[in-house]
N, C-alpha and C. Protein backbone atom coordinates (compact mmCIF):
# COMPACT_ATOMS: atom_id res chain seq x y z
N MET A 1 0.81 -1.19 0.00
CA MET A 1 0.00 0.00 0.00
C MET A 1 0.86 1.26 0.00
N VAL A 2 1.98 1.16 0.67
CA VAL A 2 2.89 2.31 0.68
C VAL A 2 3.43 2.57 -0.72
N ALA A 3 3.73 1.51 -1.44
CA ALA A 3 4.25 1.67 -2.80
C ALA A 3 3.23 2.36 -3.70
N ILE A 4 1.95 2.05 -3.51
CA ILE A 4 0.90 2.71 -4.29
C ILE A 4 0.93 4.21 -4.02
N GLY A 5 1.02 4.58 -2.75
CA GLY A 5 1.06 6.00 -2.39
C GLY A 5 2.28 6.72 -2.94
N ILE A 6 3.42 6.07 -2.88
CA ILE A 6 4.65 6.70 -3.37
C ILE A 6 4.57 6.91 -4.88
N ILE A 7 4.13 5.91 -5.60
CA ILE A 7 4.04 6.03 -7.06
C ILE A 7 3.06 7.11 -7.47
N ILE A 8 1.90 7.15 -6.82
CA ILE A 8 0.88 8.15 -7.17
C ILE A 8 1.35 9.55 -6.81
N CYS A 9 2.00 9.71 -5.67
CA CYS A 9 2.48 11.05 -5.29
C CYS A 9 3.58 11.54 -6.21
N ILE A 10 4.47 10.67 -6.62
CA ILE A 10 5.51 11.08 -7.56
C ILE A 10 4.89 11.48 -8.89
N GLY A 11 3.94 10.68 -9.36
CA GLY A 11 3.26 11.02 -10.60
C GLY A 11 2.50 12.33 -10.50
N GLY A 12 1.87 12.57 -9.37
CA GLY A 12 1.14 13.82 -9.18
C GLY A 12 2.06 15.02 -9.09
N THR A 13 3.20 14.85 -8.45
CA THR A 13 4.15 15.96 -8.32
C THR A 13 4.71 16.36 -9.68
N ILE A 14 4.91 15.39 -10.55
CA ILE A 14 5.42 15.69 -11.88
C ILE A 14 4.42 16.53 -12.67
N HIS A 15 3.14 16.36 -12.39
CA HIS A 15 2.11 17.03 -13.18
C HIS A 15 1.63 18.35 -12.59
N ILE A 16 2.31 18.91 -11.60
CA ILE A 16 1.95 20.24 -11.09
C ILE A 16 2.30 21.25 -12.17
N LYS A 17 1.31 22.04 -12.55
CA LYS A 17 1.51 23.01 -13.63
C LYS A 17 1.77 24.39 -13.02
N CYS A 18 2.93 24.93 -13.31
CA CYS A 18 3.26 26.28 -12.85
C CYS A 18 4.29 26.88 -13.81
N ASN A 19 4.38 28.19 -13.75
CA ASN A 19 5.40 28.86 -14.57
C ASN A 19 6.24 29.74 -13.65
N GLU A 20 7.21 30.39 -14.21
CA GLU A 20 8.16 31.16 -13.40
C GLU A 20 7.53 32.41 -12.81
N ASN A 21 6.46 32.91 -13.38
CA ASN A 21 5.86 34.16 -12.91
C ASN A 21 4.70 33.95 -11.95
N MET A 22 4.50 32.75 -11.45
CA MET A 22 3.38 32.48 -10.55
C MET A 22 3.66 33.08 -9.18
N ASP A 23 2.61 33.60 -8.56
CA ASP A 23 2.78 34.07 -7.19
C ASP A 23 2.48 32.91 -6.23
N LEU A 24 2.66 33.16 -4.96
CA LEU A 24 2.55 32.11 -3.96
C LEU A 24 1.13 31.55 -3.88
N THR A 25 0.12 32.38 -4.07
CA THR A 25 -1.27 31.92 -4.00
C THR A 25 -1.57 30.90 -5.09
N ASN A 26 -1.15 31.19 -6.32
CA ASN A 26 -1.39 30.26 -7.42
C ASN A 26 -0.59 28.97 -7.25
N LEU A 27 0.61 29.07 -6.73
CA LEU A 27 1.43 27.89 -6.51
C LEU A 27 0.81 26.99 -5.45
N LEU A 28 0.31 27.60 -4.36
CA LEU A 28 -0.35 26.80 -3.32
C LEU A 28 -1.63 26.17 -3.84
N ALA A 29 -2.36 26.86 -4.71
CA ALA A 29 -3.58 26.29 -5.29
C ALA A 29 -3.24 25.07 -6.15
N ALA A 30 -2.16 25.15 -6.90
CA ALA A 30 -1.74 24.01 -7.72
C ALA A 30 -1.32 22.84 -6.85
N MET A 31 -0.66 23.13 -5.75
CA MET A 31 -0.25 22.05 -4.84
C MET A 31 -1.45 21.45 -4.12
N ARG A 32 -2.43 22.27 -3.75
CA ARG A 32 -3.64 21.74 -3.13
C ARG A 32 -4.38 20.81 -4.09
N PHE A 33 -4.47 21.22 -5.34
CA PHE A 33 -5.11 20.38 -6.35
C PHE A 33 -4.38 19.05 -6.47
N ASN A 34 -3.06 19.07 -6.43
CA ASN A 34 -2.26 17.85 -6.49
C ASN A 34 -2.56 16.95 -5.29
N VAL A 35 -2.68 17.54 -4.12
CA VAL A 35 -2.97 16.75 -2.91
C VAL A 35 -4.34 16.09 -3.03
N ILE A 36 -5.33 16.82 -3.52
CA ILE A 36 -6.68 16.27 -3.65
C ILE A 36 -6.71 15.13 -4.67
N VAL A 37 -6.11 15.35 -5.82
CA VAL A 37 -6.12 14.32 -6.86
C VAL A 37 -5.31 13.10 -6.42
N SER A 38 -4.13 13.33 -5.87
CA SER A 38 -3.30 12.20 -5.41
C SER A 38 -3.99 11.44 -4.29
N GLY A 39 -4.59 12.16 -3.35
CA GLY A 39 -5.31 11.52 -2.26
C GLY A 39 -6.46 10.67 -2.75
N THR A 40 -7.18 11.16 -3.74
CA THR A 40 -8.29 10.40 -4.30
C THR A 40 -7.80 9.11 -4.94
N PHE A 41 -6.75 9.20 -5.74
CA PHE A 41 -6.21 8.00 -6.38
C PHE A 41 -5.62 7.03 -5.36
N ILE A 42 -5.01 7.55 -4.30
CA ILE A 42 -4.45 6.68 -3.27
C ILE A 42 -5.57 5.93 -2.55
N VAL A 43 -6.65 6.63 -2.21
CA VAL A 43 -7.77 5.98 -1.54
C VAL A 43 -8.36 4.88 -2.41
N ILE A 44 -8.53 5.15 -3.69
CA ILE A 44 -9.05 4.13 -4.60
C ILE A 44 -8.09 2.94 -4.69
N GLY A 45 -6.80 3.23 -4.85
CA GLY A 45 -5.82 2.16 -4.96
C GLY A 45 -5.72 1.31 -3.70
N VAL A 46 -5.75 1.94 -2.54
CA VAL A 46 -5.68 1.19 -1.28
C VAL A 46 -6.96 0.40 -1.05
N GLY A 47 -8.10 0.96 -1.44
CA GLY A 47 -9.35 0.23 -1.29
C GLY A 47 -9.36 -1.04 -2.12
N VAL A 48 -8.94 -0.92 -3.37
CA VAL A 48 -8.89 -2.09 -4.25
C VAL A 48 -7.86 -3.09 -3.75
N THR A 49 -6.69 -2.61 -3.37
CA THR A 49 -5.62 -3.50 -2.90
C THR A 49 -6.02 -4.23 -1.62
N SER A 50 -6.58 -3.50 -0.66
CA SER A 50 -6.96 -4.16 0.59
C SER A 50 -8.06 -5.18 0.36
N TYR A 51 -8.98 -4.92 -0.57
CA TYR A 51 -10.02 -5.91 -0.86
C TYR A 51 -9.43 -7.14 -1.55
N LEU A 52 -8.51 -6.91 -2.48
CA LEU A 52 -7.92 -8.05 -3.19
C LEU A 52 -7.01 -8.88 -2.31
N VAL A 53 -6.27 -8.24 -1.42
CA VAL A 53 -5.32 -8.97 -0.58
C VAL A 53 -6.02 -9.64 0.59
N ILE A 54 -6.87 -8.89 1.29
CA ILE A 54 -7.51 -9.43 2.49
C ILE A 54 -8.84 -10.08 2.14
N GLY A 55 -9.66 -9.39 1.34
CA GLY A 55 -10.94 -9.94 0.93
C GLY A 55 -11.81 -10.31 2.11
N ASP A 56 -12.41 -11.47 2.05
CA ASP A 56 -13.26 -11.94 3.14
C ASP A 56 -12.61 -13.07 3.92
N GLN A 57 -11.31 -13.03 4.05
CA GLN A 57 -10.61 -14.04 4.81
C GLN A 57 -10.86 -13.81 6.29
N GLY A 58 -11.18 -14.83 7.00
CA GLY A 58 -11.39 -14.70 8.45
C GLY A 58 -12.67 -13.93 8.75
N GLU A 59 -12.52 -12.75 9.31
CA GLU A 59 -13.67 -11.94 9.70
C GLU A 59 -14.33 -11.32 8.47
N LYS A 60 -15.61 -11.07 8.61
CA LYS A 60 -16.31 -10.37 7.54
C LYS A 60 -15.88 -8.91 7.54
N LEU A 61 -15.67 -8.37 6.38
CA LEU A 61 -15.32 -6.96 6.16
C LEU A 61 -14.05 -6.53 6.90
N ALA A 62 -13.10 -7.45 7.06
CA ALA A 62 -11.82 -7.09 7.68
C ALA A 62 -11.08 -6.08 6.81
N TRP A 63 -11.21 -6.21 5.50
CA TRP A 63 -10.54 -5.28 4.58
C TRP A 63 -11.09 -3.88 4.75
N LEU A 64 -12.36 -3.77 5.10
CA LEU A 64 -12.98 -2.45 5.25
C LEU A 64 -12.44 -1.71 6.47
N ARG A 65 -12.11 -2.45 7.52
CA ARG A 65 -11.52 -1.79 8.70
C ARG A 65 -10.12 -1.26 8.38
N LEU A 66 -9.35 -2.05 7.64
CA LEU A 66 -8.02 -1.58 7.22
C LEU A 66 -8.14 -0.36 6.32
N PHE A 67 -9.04 -0.43 5.37
CA PHE A 67 -9.27 0.68 4.45
C PHE A 67 -9.76 1.91 5.20
N GLY A 68 -10.68 1.72 6.13
CA GLY A 68 -11.21 2.85 6.90
C GLY A 68 -10.15 3.53 7.74
N SER A 69 -9.27 2.76 8.36
CA SER A 69 -8.20 3.37 9.15
C SER A 69 -7.22 4.13 8.27
N PHE A 70 -6.94 3.59 7.10
CA PHE A 70 -6.05 4.28 6.16
C PHE A 70 -6.67 5.58 5.68
N ALA A 71 -7.95 5.52 5.28
CA ALA A 71 -8.62 6.72 4.77
C ALA A 71 -8.75 7.78 5.86
N THR A 72 -9.01 7.37 7.10
CA THR A 72 -9.10 8.32 8.21
C THR A 72 -7.76 9.00 8.45
N GLY A 73 -6.68 8.23 8.43
CA GLY A 73 -5.34 8.81 8.62
C GLY A 73 -4.96 9.75 7.51
N LEU A 74 -5.30 9.40 6.27
CA LEU A 74 -4.99 10.27 5.13
C LEU A 74 -5.76 11.58 5.24
N CYS A 75 -7.04 11.50 5.54
CA CYS A 75 -7.85 12.72 5.68
C CYS A 75 -7.37 13.58 6.83
N ALA A 76 -6.98 12.96 7.94
CA ALA A 76 -6.46 13.72 9.08
C ALA A 76 -5.16 14.42 8.71
N GLY A 77 -4.29 13.74 7.98
CA GLY A 77 -3.03 14.35 7.55
C GLY A 77 -3.24 15.53 6.62
N ILE A 78 -4.17 15.38 5.68
CA ILE A 78 -4.46 16.48 4.76
C ILE A 78 -5.05 17.66 5.52
N LEU A 79 -5.96 17.38 6.45
CA LEU A 79 -6.58 18.44 7.24
C LEU A 79 -5.55 19.16 8.10
N ILE A 80 -4.65 18.45 8.72
CA ILE A 80 -3.59 19.07 9.52
C ILE A 80 -2.72 19.95 8.65
N GLY A 81 -2.40 19.48 7.45
CA GLY A 81 -1.58 20.29 6.54
C GLY A 81 -2.27 21.58 6.14
N TRP A 82 -3.58 21.52 5.86
CA TRP A 82 -4.30 22.72 5.46
C TRP A 82 -4.48 23.70 6.62
N VAL A 83 -4.72 23.18 7.82
CA VAL A 83 -4.93 24.07 8.98
C VAL A 83 -3.63 24.78 9.35
N THR A 84 -2.52 24.08 9.27
CA THR A 84 -1.24 24.68 9.67
C THR A 84 -0.56 25.46 8.55
N GLU A 85 -1.16 25.51 7.39
CA GLU A 85 -0.55 26.18 6.24
C GLU A 85 -0.48 27.67 6.45
């Protein structure tokens, strides 16, 4: 799951669009957009991966608890970043 996040974040960072004359507000907006898009793809990737790897082995919906904890941590991290910005 970590590898999914690293690959998606690197891909998202490459696609930040900015030019040399951008001010700080526009640059932060581009970075926020990158965080939202990368976070969305990471959540989708981790959801699919956790379902495929864990599935319904053992407890029912065990994959959903793993996915839920990951999604909660990701949202908390993004929220902390925006509040402290």
